[in-house]
Amino acid sequence: MGSELIIIPIFFGAIFGIAYLYFSTRNKERLALIEKGADASIFVKGRDSRTAPIWKVLLLNLALLLIGIGLGIFLGSLLEALGFDEDVAYPATIFFMAGIGLFVGFTMTKRLEKED
């Protein structure tokens, strides 16, 4: 019963620690670059950068992931109808098709970034 009280602060402490390390190291790196005389414009991403908007990338990957999961469930039911064990057919095809969906999303994101 007391373990719930211990896990929650540890979880939030880990999140805080990661965020603190990220921002403090980023600040130290920037200060070191500025001391060496590097141009400060490398810290500002302008509109001329060649990256696609993050919402397009997230939406594309989420859509393809959900399509892959749906296809995995469909193929799992087909495999079950063919006589495969249900405990193996569903998880295997869901993970396989979700992985294929994420890979397709990755390649489409690279192509999307080249177009913009």
PDB file of N, CA and C in Angstrom:
ATOM      1  N   MET A   1       0.809  -1.186   0.000  1.00  0.00           N
ATOM      2  CA  MET A   1       0.000   0.000   0.000  1.00  0.00           C
ATOM      3  C   MET A   1       0.854   1.252   0.000  1.00  0.00           C
ATOM      4  N   GLY A   2       1.979   1.227   0.647  1.00  0.00           N
ATOM      5  CA  GLY A   2       2.837   2.395   0.701  1.00  0.00           C
ATOM      6  C   GLY A   2       3.667   2.594  -0.550  1.00  0.00           C
ATOM      7  N   SER A   3       3.698   1.592  -1.418  1.00  0.00           N
ATOM      8  CA  SER A   3       4.524   1.715  -2.615  1.00  0.00           C
ATOM      9  C   SER A   3       3.996   2.778  -3.572  1.00  0.00           C
ATOM     10  N   GLU A   4       2.671   2.998  -3.572  1.00  0.00           N
ATOM     11  CA  GLU A   4       2.116   4.034  -4.444  1.00  0.00           C
ATOM     12  C   GLU A   4       2.616   5.409  -4.036  1.00  0.00           C
ATOM     13  N   LEU A   5       2.798   5.590  -2.755  1.00  0.00           N
ATOM     14  CA  LEU A   5       3.261   6.881  -2.256  1.00  0.00           C
ATOM     15  C   LEU A   5       4.728   7.127  -2.587  1.00  0.00           C
ATOM     16  N   ILE A   6       5.461   6.081  -2.812  1.00  0.00           N
ATOM     17  CA  ILE A   6       6.882   6.222  -3.139  1.00  0.00           C
ATOM     18  C   ILE A   6       7.078   6.378  -4.646  1.00  0.00           C
ATOM     19  N   ILE A   7       6.295   5.664  -5.433  1.00  0.00           N
ATOM     20  CA  ILE A   7       6.485   5.640  -6.884  1.00  0.00           C
ATOM     21  C   ILE A   7       6.158   6.994  -7.512  1.00  0.00           C
ATOM     22  N   ILE A   8       5.098   7.649  -7.070  1.00  0.00           N
ATOM     23  CA  ILE A   8       4.665   8.908  -7.683  1.00  0.00           C
ATOM     24  C   ILE A   8       5.730   9.999  -7.554  1.00  0.00           C
ATOM     25  N   PRO A   9       6.325  10.242  -6.357  1.00  0.00           N
ATOM     26  CA  PRO A   9       7.391  11.255  -6.299  1.00  0.00           C
ATOM     27  C   PRO A   9       8.632  10.867  -7.098  1.00  0.00           C
ATOM     28  N   ILE A  10       8.935   9.586  -7.147  1.00  0.00           N
ATOM     29  CA  ILE A  10      10.089   9.147  -7.943  1.00  0.00           C
ATOM     30  C   ILE A  10       9.831   9.416  -9.421  1.00  0.00           C
ATOM     31  N   PHE A  11       8.620   9.153  -9.879  1.00  0.00           N
ATOM     32  CA  PHE A  11       8.267   9.391 -11.274  1.00  0.00           C
ATOM     33  C   PHE A  11       8.395  10.873 -11.627  1.00  0.00           C
ATOM     34  N   PHE A  12       7.787  11.734 -10.806  1.00  0.00           N
ATOM     35  CA  PHE A  12       7.872  13.166 -11.081  1.00  0.00           C
ATOM     36  C   PHE A  12       9.292  13.691 -10.891  1.00  0.00           C
ATOM     37  N   GLY A  13      10.036  13.133  -9.959  1.00  0.00           N
ATOM     38  CA  GLY A  13      11.435  13.524  -9.777  1.00  0.00           C
ATOM     39  C   GLY A  13      12.281  13.167 -10.988  1.00  0.00           C
ATOM     40  N   ALA A  14      12.007  12.009 -11.587  1.00  0.00           N
ATOM     41  CA  ALA A  14      12.742  11.617 -12.789  1.00  0.00           C
ATOM     42  C   ALA A  14      12.430  12.553 -13.952  1.00  0.00           C
ATOM     43  N   ILE A  15      11.169  12.923 -14.100  1.00  0.00           N
ATOM     44  CA  ILE A  15      10.796  13.860 -15.166  1.00  0.00           C
ATOM     45  C   ILE A  15      11.467  15.210 -14.938  1.00  0.00           C
ATOM     46  N   PHE A  16      11.443  15.694 -13.703  1.00  0.00           N
ATOM     47  CA  PHE A  16      12.100  16.959 -13.391  1.00  0.00           C
ATOM     48  C   PHE A  16      13.606  16.871 -13.636  1.00  0.00           C
ATOM     49  N   GLY A  17      14.229  15.765 -13.246  1.00  0.00           N
ATOM     50  CA  GLY A  17      15.666  15.600 -13.446  1.00  0.00           C
ATOM     51  C   GLY A  17      16.049  15.609 -14.915  1.00  0.00           C
ATOM     52  N   ILE A  18      15.273  14.941 -15.732  1.00  0.00           N
ATOM     53  CA  ILE A  18      15.556  14.915 -17.168  1.00  0.00           C
ATOM     54  C   ILE A  18      15.404  16.307 -17.769  1.00  0.00           C
ATOM     55  N   ALA A  19      14.330  17.001 -17.404  1.00  0.00           N
ATOM     56  CA  ALA A  19      14.120  18.355 -17.922  1.00  0.00           C
ATOM     57  C   ALA A  19      15.229  19.292 -17.456  1.00  0.00           C
ATOM     58  N   TYR A  20      15.630  19.184 -16.192  1.00  0.00           N
ATOM     59  CA  TYR A  20      16.694  20.040 -15.663  1.00  0.00           C
ATOM     60  C   TYR A  20      18.008  19.786 -16.394  1.00  0.00           C
ATOM     61  N   LEU A  21      18.356  18.522 -16.579  1.00  0.00           N
ATOM     62  CA  LEU A  21      19.598  18.209 -17.299  1.00  0.00           C
ATOM     63  C   LEU A  21      19.555  18.706 -18.735  1.00  0.00           C
ATOM     64  N   TYR A  22      18.417  18.568 -19.385  1.00  0.00           N
ATOM     65  CA  TYR A  22      18.290  19.007 -20.773  1.00  0.00           C
ATOM     66  C   TYR A  22      18.517  20.506 -20.894  1.00  0.00           C
ATOM     67  N   PHE A  23      17.815  21.281 -20.070  1.00  0.00           N
ATOM     68  CA  PHE A  23      17.916  22.728 -20.186  1.00  0.00           C
ATOM     69  C   PHE A  23      19.250  23.269 -19.680  1.00  0.00           C
ATOM     70  N   SER A  24      19.803  22.662 -18.639  1.00  0.00           N
ATOM     71  CA  SER A  24      21.086  23.174 -18.138  1.00  0.00           C
ATOM     72  C   SER A  24      22.217  22.855 -19.113  1.00  0.00           C
ATOM     73  N   THR A  25      22.189  21.673 -19.735  1.00  0.00           N
ATOM     74  CA  THR A  25      23.239  21.350 -20.708  1.00  0.00           C
ATOM     75  C   THR A  25      23.111  22.194 -21.956  1.00  0.00           C
ATOM     76  N   ARG A  26      21.869  22.432 -22.373  1.00  0.00           N
ATOM     77  CA  ARG A  26      21.651  23.278 -23.542  1.00  0.00           C
ATOM     78  C   ARG A  26      22.180  24.686 -23.292  1.00  0.00           C
ATOM     79  N   ASN A  27      21.950  25.197 -22.101  1.00  0.00           N
ATOM     80  CA  ASN A  27      22.432  26.526 -21.755  1.00  0.00           C
ATOM     81  C   ASN A  27      23.959  26.556 -21.744  1.00  0.00           C
ATOM     82  N   LYS A  28      24.583  25.530 -21.176  1.00  0.00           N
ATOM     83  CA  LYS A  28      26.056  25.484 -21.123  1.00  0.00           C
ATOM     84  C   LYS A  28      26.655  25.384 -22.528  1.00  0.00           C
ATOM     85  N   GLU A  29      26.029  24.592 -23.391  1.00  0.00           N
ATOM     86  CA  GLU A  29      26.525  24.471 -24.768  1.00  0.00           C
ATOM     87  C   GLU A  29      26.437  25.807 -25.498  1.00  0.00           C
ATOM     88  N   ARG A  30      25.331  26.498 -25.316  1.00  0.00           N
ATOM     89  CA  ARG A  30      25.168  27.791 -25.978  1.00  0.00           C
ATOM     90  C   ARG A  30      26.170  28.810 -25.459  1.00  0.00           C
ATOM     91  N   LEU A  31      26.382  28.825 -24.149  1.00  0.00           N
ATOM     92  CA  LEU A  31      27.358  29.759 -23.593  1.00  0.00           C
ATOM     93  C   LEU A  31      28.767  29.449 -24.104  1.00  0.00           C
ATOM     94  N   ALA A  32      29.101  28.170 -24.224  1.00  0.00           N
ATOM     95  CA  ALA A  32      30.424  27.801 -24.729  1.00  0.00           C
ATOM     96  C   ALA A  32      30.592  28.235 -26.189  1.00  0.00           C
ATOM     97  N   LEU A  33      29.540  28.078 -26.996  1.00  0.00           N
ATOM     98  CA  LEU A  33      29.620  28.498 -28.401  1.00  0.00           C
ATOM     99  C   LEU A  33      29.742  30.015 -28.516  1.00  0.00           C
ATOM    100  N   ILE A  34      29.018  30.726 -27.658  1.00  0.00           N
ATOM    101  CA  ILE A  34      29.097  32.184 -27.702  1.00  0.00           C
ATOM    102  C   ILE A  34      30.475  32.661 -27.269  1.00  0.00           C
ATOM    103  N   GLU A  35      31.076  32.001 -26.262  1.00  0.00           N
ATOM    104  CA  GLU A  35      32.421  32.373 -25.825  1.00  0.00           C
ATOM    105  C   GLU A  35      33.451  32.149 -26.921  1.00  0.00           C
ATOM    106  N   LYS A  36      33.238  31.138 -27.742  1.00  0.00           N
ATOM    107  CA  LYS A  36      34.171  30.874 -28.839  1.00  0.00           C
ATOM    108  C   LYS A  36      33.949  31.819 -30.011  1.00  0.00           C
ATOM    109  N   GLY A  37      32.868  32.577 -29.989  1.00  0.00           N
ATOM    110  CA  GLY A  37      32.613  33.541 -31.053  1.00  0.00           C
ATOM    111  C   GLY A  37      31.739  33.019 -32.162  1.00  0.00           C
ATOM    112  N   ALA A  38      30.979  31.971 -31.899  1.00  0.00           N
ATOM    113  CA  ALA A  38      30.087  31.433 -32.925  1.00  0.00           C
ATOM    114  C   ALA A  38      28.926  32.394 -33.152  1.00  0.00           C
ATOM    115  N   ASP A  39      28.359  32.326 -34.335  1.00  0.00           N
ATOM    116  CA  ASP A  39      27.239  33.192 -34.688  1.00  0.00           C
ATOM    117  C   ASP A  39      25.998  32.767 -33.909  1.00  0.00           C
ATOM    118  N   ALA A  40      25.290  33.707 -33.336  1.00  0.00           N
ATOM    119  CA  ALA A  40      24.117  33.411 -32.517  1.00  0.00           C
ATOM    120  C   ALA A  40      22.915  33.009 -33.356  1.00  0.00           C
ATOM    121  N   SER A  41      22.979  33.163 -34.651  1.00  0.00           N
ATOM    122  CA  SER A  41      21.832  32.825 -35.491  1.00  0.00           C
ATOM    123  C   SER A  41      21.602  31.315 -35.581  1.00  0.00           C
ATOM    124  N   ILE A  42      22.560  30.510 -35.132  1.00  0.00           N
ATOM    125  CA  ILE A  42      22.355  29.061 -35.186  1.00  0.00           C
ATOM    126  C   ILE A  42      21.336  28.604 -34.158  1.00  0.00           C
ATOM    127  N   PHE A  43      21.024  29.460 -33.170  1.00  0.00           N
ATOM    128  CA  PHE A  43      20.060  29.087 -32.147  1.00  0.00           C
ATOM    129  C   PHE A  43      18.632  29.395 -32.551  1.00  0.00           C
ATOM    130  N   VAL A  44      18.446  30.197 -33.564  1.00  0.00           N
ATOM    131  CA  VAL A  44      17.110  30.608 -33.987  1.00  0.00           C
ATOM    132  C   VAL A  44      16.777  29.880 -35.280  1.00  0.00           C
ATOM    133  N   LYS A  45      15.684  29.136 -35.243  1.00  0.00           N
ATOM    134  CA  LYS A  45      15.234  28.471 -36.461  1.00  0.00           C
ATOM    135  C   LYS A  45      14.264  29.392 -37.170  1.00  0.00           C
ATOM    136  N   GLY A  46      14.631  29.805 -38.342  1.00  0.00           N
ATOM    137  CA  GLY A  46      13.766  30.691 -39.102  1.00  0.00           C
ATOM    138  C   GLY A  46      12.800  29.916 -39.966  1.00  0.00           C
ATOM    139  N   ARG A  47      12.011  30.653 -40.713  1.00  0.00           N
ATOM    140  CA  ARG A  47      11.032  30.026 -41.593  1.00  0.00           C
ATOM    141  C   ARG A  47      11.685  29.443 -42.842  1.00  0.00           C
ATOM    142  N   ASP A  48      12.935  29.800 -43.078  1.00  0.00           N
ATOM    143  CA  ASP A  48      13.606  29.299 -44.270  1.00  0.00           C
ATOM    144  C   ASP A  48      14.230  27.926 -44.063  1.00  0.00           C
ATOM    145  N   SER A  49      14.109  27.348 -42.878  1.00  0.00           N
ATOM    146  CA  SER A  49      14.689  26.025 -42.646  1.00  0.00           C
ATOM    147  C   SER A  49      13.908  24.982 -43.434  1.00  0.00           C
ATOM    148  N   ARG A  50      14.538  23.888 -43.726  1.00  0.00           N
ATOM    149  CA  ARG A  50      13.981  22.860 -44.599  1.00  0.00           C
ATOM    150  C   ARG A  50      13.259  21.762 -43.835  1.00  0.00           C
ATOM    151  N   THR A  51      12.589  22.071 -42.749  1.00  0.00           N
ATOM    152  CA  THR A  51      11.866  21.060 -42.003  1.00  0.00           C
ATOM    153  C   THR A  51      10.367  21.254 -42.164  1.00  0.00           C
ATOM    154  N   ALA A  52       9.654  20.146 -42.176  1.00  0.00           N
ATOM    155  CA  ALA A  52       8.201  20.197 -42.276  1.00  0.00           C
ATOM    156  C   ALA A  52       7.623  20.584 -40.917  1.00  0.00           C
ATOM    157  N   PRO A  53       6.460  21.196 -40.898  1.00  0.00           N
ATOM    158  CA  PRO A  53       5.835  21.532 -39.613  1.00  0.00           C
ATOM    159  C   PRO A  53       5.594  20.277 -38.783  1.00  0.00           C
ATOM    160  N   ILE A  54       5.771  20.405 -37.481  1.00  0.00           N
ATOM    161  CA  ILE A  54       5.696  19.239 -36.592  1.00  0.00           C
ATOM    162  C   ILE A  54       4.300  18.633 -36.599  1.00  0.00           C
ATOM    163  N   TRP A  55       3.273  19.438 -36.785  1.00  0.00           N
ATOM    164  CA  TRP A  55       1.918  18.885 -36.778  1.00  0.00           C
ATOM    165  C   TRP A  55       1.683  17.982 -37.970  1.00  0.00           C
ATOM    166  N   LYS A  56       2.320  18.294 -39.107  1.00  0.00           N
ATOM    167  CA  LYS A  56       2.177  17.424 -40.279  1.00  0.00           C
ATOM    168  C   LYS A  56       2.845  16.079 -40.042  1.00  0.00           C
ATOM    169  N   VAL A  57       4.008  16.117 -39.434  1.00  0.00           N
ATOM    170  CA  VAL A  57       4.754  14.891 -39.179  1.00  0.00           C
ATOM    171  C   VAL A  57       4.011  14.019 -38.168  1.00  0.00           C
ATOM    172  N   LEU A  58       3.532  14.620 -37.084  1.00  0.00           N
ATOM    173  CA  LEU A  58       2.806  13.859 -36.071  1.00  0.00           C
ATOM    174  C   LEU A  58       1.509  13.282 -36.623  1.00  0.00           C
ATOM    175  N   LEU A  59       0.791  14.073 -37.378  1.00  0.00           N
ATOM    176  CA  LEU A  59      -0.475  13.611 -37.944  1.00  0.00           C
ATOM    177  C   LEU A  59      -0.248  12.477 -38.938  1.00  0.00           C
ATOM    178  N   LEU A  60       0.762  12.606 -39.768  1.00  0.00           N
ATOM    179  CA  LEU A  60       1.071  11.565 -40.735  1.00  0.00           C
ATOM    180  C   LEU A  60       1.461  10.269 -40.042  1.00  0.00           C
ATOM    181  N   ASN A  61       2.352  10.344 -39.065  1.00  0.00           N
ATOM    182  CA  ASN A  61       2.795   9.134 -38.369  1.00  0.00           C
ATOM    183  C   ASN A  61       1.682   8.509 -37.550  1.00  0.00           C
ATOM    184  N   LEU A  62       0.859   9.321 -36.907  1.00  0.00           N
ATOM    185  CA  LEU A  62      -0.253   8.778 -36.127  1.00  0.00           C
ATOM    186  C   LEU A  62      -1.263   8.091 -37.039  1.00  0.00           C
ATOM    187  N   ALA A  63      -1.561   8.706 -38.175  1.00  0.00           N
ATOM    188  CA  ALA A  63      -2.516   8.096 -39.111  1.00  0.00           C
ATOM    189  C   ALA A  63      -1.988   6.762 -39.632  1.00  0.00           C
ATOM    190  N   LEU A  64      -0.729   6.728 -40.007  1.00  0.00           N
ATOM    191  CA  LEU A  64      -0.176   5.475 -40.522  1.00  0.00           C
ATOM    192  C   LEU A  64      -0.044   4.413 -39.435  1.00  0.00           C
ATOM    193  N   LEU A  65       0.224   4.830 -38.204  1.00  0.00           N
ATOM    194  CA  LEU A  65       0.271   3.876 -37.098  1.00  0.00           C
ATOM    195  C   LEU A  65      -1.102   3.260 -36.865  1.00  0.00           C
ATOM    196  N   LEU A  66      -2.142   4.086 -36.846  1.00  0.00           N
ATOM    197  CA  LEU A  66      -3.488   3.563 -36.633  1.00  0.00           C
ATOM    198  C   LEU A  66      -3.950   2.688 -37.800  1.00  0.00           C
ATOM    199  N   ILE A  67      -3.564   3.049 -39.019  1.00  0.00           N
ATOM    200  CA  ILE A  67      -3.879   2.207 -40.172  1.00  0.00           C
ATOM    201  C   ILE A  67      -3.177   0.857 -40.032  1.00  0.00           C
ATOM    202  N   GLY A  68      -1.930   0.883 -39.603  1.00  0.00           N
ATOM    203  CA  GLY A  68      -1.192  -0.363 -39.404  1.00  0.00           C
ATOM    204  C   GLY A  68      -1.803  -1.226 -38.326  1.00  0.00           C
ATOM    205  N   ILE A  69      -2.254  -0.623 -37.228  1.00  0.00           N
ATOM    206  CA  ILE A  69      -2.891  -1.398 -36.162  1.00  0.00           C
ATOM    207  C   ILE A  69      -4.201  -2.000 -36.662  1.00  0.00           C
ATOM    208  N   GLY A  70      -4.969  -1.221 -37.416  1.00  0.00           N
ATOM    209  CA  GLY A  70      -6.218  -1.748 -37.976  1.00  0.00           C
ATOM    210  C   GLY A  70      -5.972  -2.906 -38.925  1.00  0.00           C
ATOM    211  N   LEU A  71      -4.972  -2.759 -39.790  1.00  0.00           N
ATOM    212  CA  LEU A  71      -4.638  -3.864 -40.691  1.00  0.00           C
ATOM    213  C   LEU A  71      -4.126  -5.076 -39.925  1.00  0.00           C
ATOM    214  N   GLY A  72      -3.404  -4.822 -38.843  1.00  0.00           N
ATOM    215  CA  GLY A  72      -2.913  -5.934 -38.024  1.00  0.00           C
ATOM    216  C   GLY A  72      -4.045  -6.705 -37.382  1.00  0.00           C
ATOM    217  N   ILE A  73      -5.056  -6.005 -36.884  1.00  0.00           N
ATOM    218  CA  ILE A  73      -6.214  -6.692 -36.299  1.00  0.00           C
ATOM    219  C   ILE A  73      -6.958  -7.481 -37.368  1.00  0.00           C
ATOM    220  N   PHE A  74      -7.108  -6.884 -38.544  1.00  0.00           N
ATOM    221  CA  PHE A  74      -7.797  -7.579 -39.637  1.00  0.00           C
ATOM    222  C   PHE A  74      -7.031  -8.832 -40.062  1.00  0.00           C
ATOM    223  N   LEU A  75      -5.716  -8.699 -40.250  1.00  0.00           N
ATOM    224  CA  LEU A  75      -4.924  -9.870 -40.647  1.00  0.00           C
ATOM    225  C   LEU A  75      -4.868 -10.909 -39.536  1.00  0.00           C
ATOM    226  N   GLY A  76      -4.876 -10.456 -38.283  1.00  0.00           N
ATOM    227  CA  GLY A  76      -4.903 -11.406 -37.170  1.00  0.00           C
ATOM    228  C   GLY A  76      -6.180 -12.224 -37.168  1.00  0.00           C
ATOM    229  N   SER A  77      -7.307 -11.592 -37.476  1.00  0.00           N
ATOM    230  CA  SER A  77      -8.565 -12.346 -37.539  1.00  0.00           C
ATOM    231  C   SER A  77      -8.563 -13.313 -38.716  1.00  0.00           C
ATOM    232  N   LEU A  78      -7.936 -12.916 -39.826  1.00  0.00           N
ATOM    233  CA  LEU A  78      -7.822 -13.847 -40.959  1.00  0.00           C
ATOM    234  C   LEU A  78      -6.945 -15.040 -40.602  1.00  0.00           C
ATOM    235  N   LEU A  79      -5.839 -14.769 -39.914  1.00  0.00           N
ATOM    236  CA  LEU A  79      -4.965 -15.872 -39.512  1.00  0.00           C
ATOM    237  C   LEU A  79      -5.649 -16.782 -38.501  1.00  0.00           C
ATOM    238  N   GLU A  80      -6.461 -16.208 -37.625  1.00  0.00           N
ATOM    239  CA  GLU A  80      -7.197 -17.027 -36.665  1.00  0.00           C
ATOM    240  C   GLU A  80      -8.205 -17.915 -37.386  1.00  0.00           C
ATOM    241  N   ALA A  81      -8.832 -17.368 -38.425  1.00  0.00           N
ATOM    242  CA  ALA A  81      -9.788 -18.160 -39.198  1.00  0.00           C
ATOM    243  C   ALA A  81      -9.093 -19.286 -39.957  1.00  0.00           C
ATOM    244  N   LEU A  82      -7.821 -19.083 -40.288  1.00  0.00           N
ATOM    245  CA  LEU A  82      -7.061 -20.131 -40.990  1.00  0.00           C
ATOM    246  C   LEU A  82      -6.534 -21.205 -40.054  1.00  0.00           C
ATOM    247  N   GLY A  83      -6.699 -20.987 -38.744  1.00  0.00           N
ATOM    248  CA  GLY A  83      -6.306 -22.035 -37.805  1.00  0.00           C
ATOM    249  C   GLY A  83      -5.136 -21.687 -36.917  1.00  0.00           C
ATOM    250  N   PHE A  84      -4.581 -20.478 -37.033  1.00  0.00           N
ATOM    251  CA  PHE A  84      -3.488 -20.084 -36.146  1.00  0.00           C
ATOM    252  C   PHE A  84      -4.031 -19.811 -34.750  1.00  0.00           C
ATOM    253  N   ASP A  85      -3.169 -19.915 -33.771  1.00  0.00           N
ATOM    254  CA  ASP A  85      -3.556 -19.649 -32.394  1.00  0.00           C
ATOM    255  C   ASP A  85      -3.839 -18.164 -32.219  1.00  0.00           C
ATOM    256  N   GLU A  86      -4.951 -17.845 -31.552  1.00  0.00           N
ATOM    257  CA  GLU A  86      -5.354 -16.452 -31.381  1.00  0.00           C
ATOM    258  C   GLU A  86      -4.336 -15.670 -30.552  1.00  0.00           C
ATOM    259  N   ASP A  87      -3.716 -16.324 -29.582  1.00  0.00           N
ATOM    260  CA  ASP A  87      -2.751 -15.648 -28.710  1.00  0.00           C
ATOM    261  C   ASP A  87      -1.480 -15.246 -29.446  1.00  0.00           C
ATOM    262  N   VAL A  88      -1.229 -15.855 -30.581  1.00  0.00           N
ATOM    263  CA  VAL A  88      -0.039 -15.531 -31.365  1.00  0.00           C
ATOM    264  C   VAL A  88      -0.393 -14.646 -32.561  1.00  0.00           C
ATOM    265  N   ALA A  89      -1.503 -14.927 -33.192  1.00  0.00           N
ATOM    266  CA  ALA A  89      -1.848 -14.244 -34.443  1.00  0.00           C
ATOM    267  C   ALA A  89      -2.083 -12.753 -34.234  1.00  0.00           C
ATOM    268  N   TYR A  90      -2.868 -12.385 -33.233  1.00  0.00           N
ATOM    269  CA  TYR A  90      -3.209 -10.972 -33.046  1.00  0.00           C
ATOM    270  C   TYR A  90      -1.998 -10.105 -32.669  1.00  0.00           C
ATOM    271  N   PRO A  91      -1.267 -10.433 -31.603  1.00  0.00           N
ATOM    272  CA  PRO A  91      -0.136  -9.540 -31.254  1.00  0.00           C
ATOM    273  C   PRO A  91       0.931  -9.469 -32.346  1.00  0.00           C
ATOM    274  N   ALA A  92       1.207 -10.603 -32.971  1.00  0.00           N
ATOM    275  CA  ALA A  92       2.252 -10.614 -33.994  1.00  0.00           C
ATOM    276  C   ALA A  92       1.887  -9.725 -35.171  1.00  0.00           C
ATOM    277  N   THR A  93       0.675  -9.851 -35.674  1.00  0.00           N
ATOM    278  CA  THR A  93       0.308  -9.045 -36.832  1.00  0.00           C
ATOM    279  C   THR A  93       0.099  -7.575 -36.459  1.00  0.00           C
ATOM    280  N   ILE A  94      -0.403  -7.302 -35.256  1.00  0.00           N
ATOM    281  CA  ILE A  94      -0.581  -5.901 -34.850  1.00  0.00           C
ATOM    282  C   ILE A  94       0.760  -5.206 -34.762  1.00  0.00           C
ATOM    283  N   PHE A  95       1.725  -5.822 -34.074  1.00  0.00           N
ATOM    284  CA  PHE A  95       3.041  -5.192 -33.953  1.00  0.00           C
ATOM    285  C   PHE A  95       3.754  -5.103 -35.293  1.00  0.00           C
ATOM    286  N   PHE A  96       3.619  -6.124 -36.114  1.00  0.00           N
ATOM    287  CA  PHE A  96       4.275  -6.121 -37.417  1.00  0.00           C
ATOM    288  C   PHE A  96       3.716  -5.021 -38.308  1.00  0.00           C
ATOM    289  N   MET A  97       2.413  -4.927 -38.383  1.00  0.00           N
ATOM    290  CA  MET A  97       1.802  -3.918 -39.249  1.00  0.00           C
ATOM    291  C   MET A  97       1.978  -2.505 -38.685  1.00  0.00           C
ATOM    292  N   ALA A  98       1.975  -2.354 -37.357  1.00  0.00           N
ATOM    293  CA  ALA A  98       2.244  -1.046 -36.772  1.00  0.00           C
ATOM    294  C   ALA A  98       3.674  -0.615 -37.078  1.00  0.00           C
ATOM    295  N   GLY A  99       4.614  -1.538 -37.017  1.00  0.00           N
ATOM    296  CA  GLY A  99       6.001  -1.226 -37.370  1.00  0.00           C
ATOM    297  C   GLY A  99       6.144  -0.841 -38.826  1.00  0.00           C
ATOM    298  N   ILE A 100       5.450  -1.539 -39.696  1.00  0.00           N
ATOM    299  CA  ILE A 100       5.479  -1.178 -41.116  1.00  0.00           C
ATOM    300  C   ILE A 100       4.869   0.209 -41.316  1.00  0.00           C
ATOM    301  N   GLY A 101       3.777   0.504 -40.598  1.00  0.00           N
ATOM    302  CA  GLY A 101       3.155   1.826 -40.697  1.00  0.00           C
ATOM    303  C   GLY A 101       4.088   2.935 -40.248  1.00  0.00           C
ATOM    304  N   LEU A 102       4.820   2.712 -39.155  1.00  0.00           N
ATOM    305  CA  LEU A 102       5.764   3.726 -38.683  1.00  0.00           C
ATOM    306  C   LEU A 102       6.936   3.889 -39.649  1.00  0.00           C
ATOM    307  N   PHE A 103       7.383   2.787 -40.253  1.00  0.00           N
ATOM    308  CA  PHE A 103       8.468   2.886 -41.229  1.00  0.00           C
ATOM    309  C   PHE A 103       8.023   3.656 -42.464  1.00  0.00           C
ATOM    310  N   VAL A 104       6.816   3.388 -42.925  1.00  0.00           N
ATOM    311  CA  VAL A 104       6.286   4.130 -44.072  1.00  0.00           C
ATOM    312  C   VAL A 104       6.140   5.601 -43.710  1.00  0.00           C
ATOM    313  N   GLY A 105       5.707   5.883 -42.481  1.00  0.00           N
ATOM    314  CA  GLY A 105       5.598   7.264 -42.028  1.00  0.00           C
ATOM    315  C   GLY A 105       6.944   7.960 -41.998  1.00  0.00           C
ATOM    316  N   PHE A 106       7.974   7.239 -41.591  1.00  0.00           N
ATOM    317  CA  PHE A 106       9.324   7.806 -41.573  1.00  0.00           C
ATOM    318  C   PHE A 106       9.790   8.153 -42.976  1.00  0.00           C
ATOM    319  N   THR A 107       9.578   7.242 -43.922  1.00  0.00           N
ATOM    320  CA  THR A 107      10.019   7.518 -45.292  1.00  0.00           C
ATOM    321  C   THR A 107       9.188   8.637 -45.924  1.00  0.00           C
ATOM    322  N   MET A 108       7.898   8.688 -45.602  1.00  0.00           N
ATOM    323  CA  MET A 108       7.074   9.773 -46.146  1.00  0.00           C
ATOM    324  C   MET A 108       7.448  11.114 -45.521  1.00  0.00           C
ATOM    325  N   THR A 109       7.861  11.107 -44.265  1.00  0.00           N
ATOM    326  CA  THR A 109       8.299  12.345 -43.615  1.00  0.00           C
ATOM    327  C   THR A 109       9.584  12.860 -44.253  1.00  0.00           C
ATOM    328  N   LYS A 110      10.500  11.953 -44.575  1.00  0.00           N
ATOM    329  CA  LYS A 110      11.717  12.384 -45.277  1.00  0.00           C
ATOM    330  C   LYS A 110      11.383  12.995 -46.623  1.00  0.00           C
ATOM    331  N   ARG A 111      10.463  12.400 -47.338  1.00  0.00           N
ATOM    332  CA  ARG A 111      10.049  12.926 -48.636  1.00  0.00           C
ATOM    333  C   ARG A 111       9.336  14.261 -48.473  1.00  0.00           C
ATOM    334  N   LEU A 112       8.533  14.402 -47.421  1.00  0.00           N
ATOM    335  CA  LEU A 112       7.819  15.652 -47.150  1.00  0.00           C
ATOM    336  C   LEU A 112       8.790  16.782 -46.839  1.00  0.00           C
ATOM    337  N   GLU A 113       9.860  16.471 -46.110  1.00  0.00           N
ATOM    338  CA  GLU A 113      10.853  17.494 -45.788  1.00  0.00           C
ATOM    339  C   GLU A 113      11.643  17.926 -47.021  1.00  0.00           C
ATOM    340  N   LYS A 114      11.841  17.014 -47.968  1.00  0.00           N
ATOM    341  CA  LYS A 114      12.544  17.383 -49.194  1.00  0.00           C
ATOM    342  C   LYS A 114      11.705  18.300 -50.070  1.00  0.00           C
ATOM    343  N   GLU A 115      10.375  18.111 -50.050  1.00  0.00           N
ATOM    344  CA  GLU A 115       9.489  18.934 -50.879  1.00  0.00           C
ATOM    345  C   GLU A 115       9.393  20.356 -50.370  1.00  0.00           C
ATOM    346  N   ASP A 116       9.362  20.534 -49.036  1.00  0.00           N
ATOM    347  CA  ASP A 116       9.176  21.878 -48.470  1.00  0.00           C
ATOM    348  C   ASP A 116      10.402  22.726 -48.560  1.00  0.00           C
TER     349      ASP A 116
END
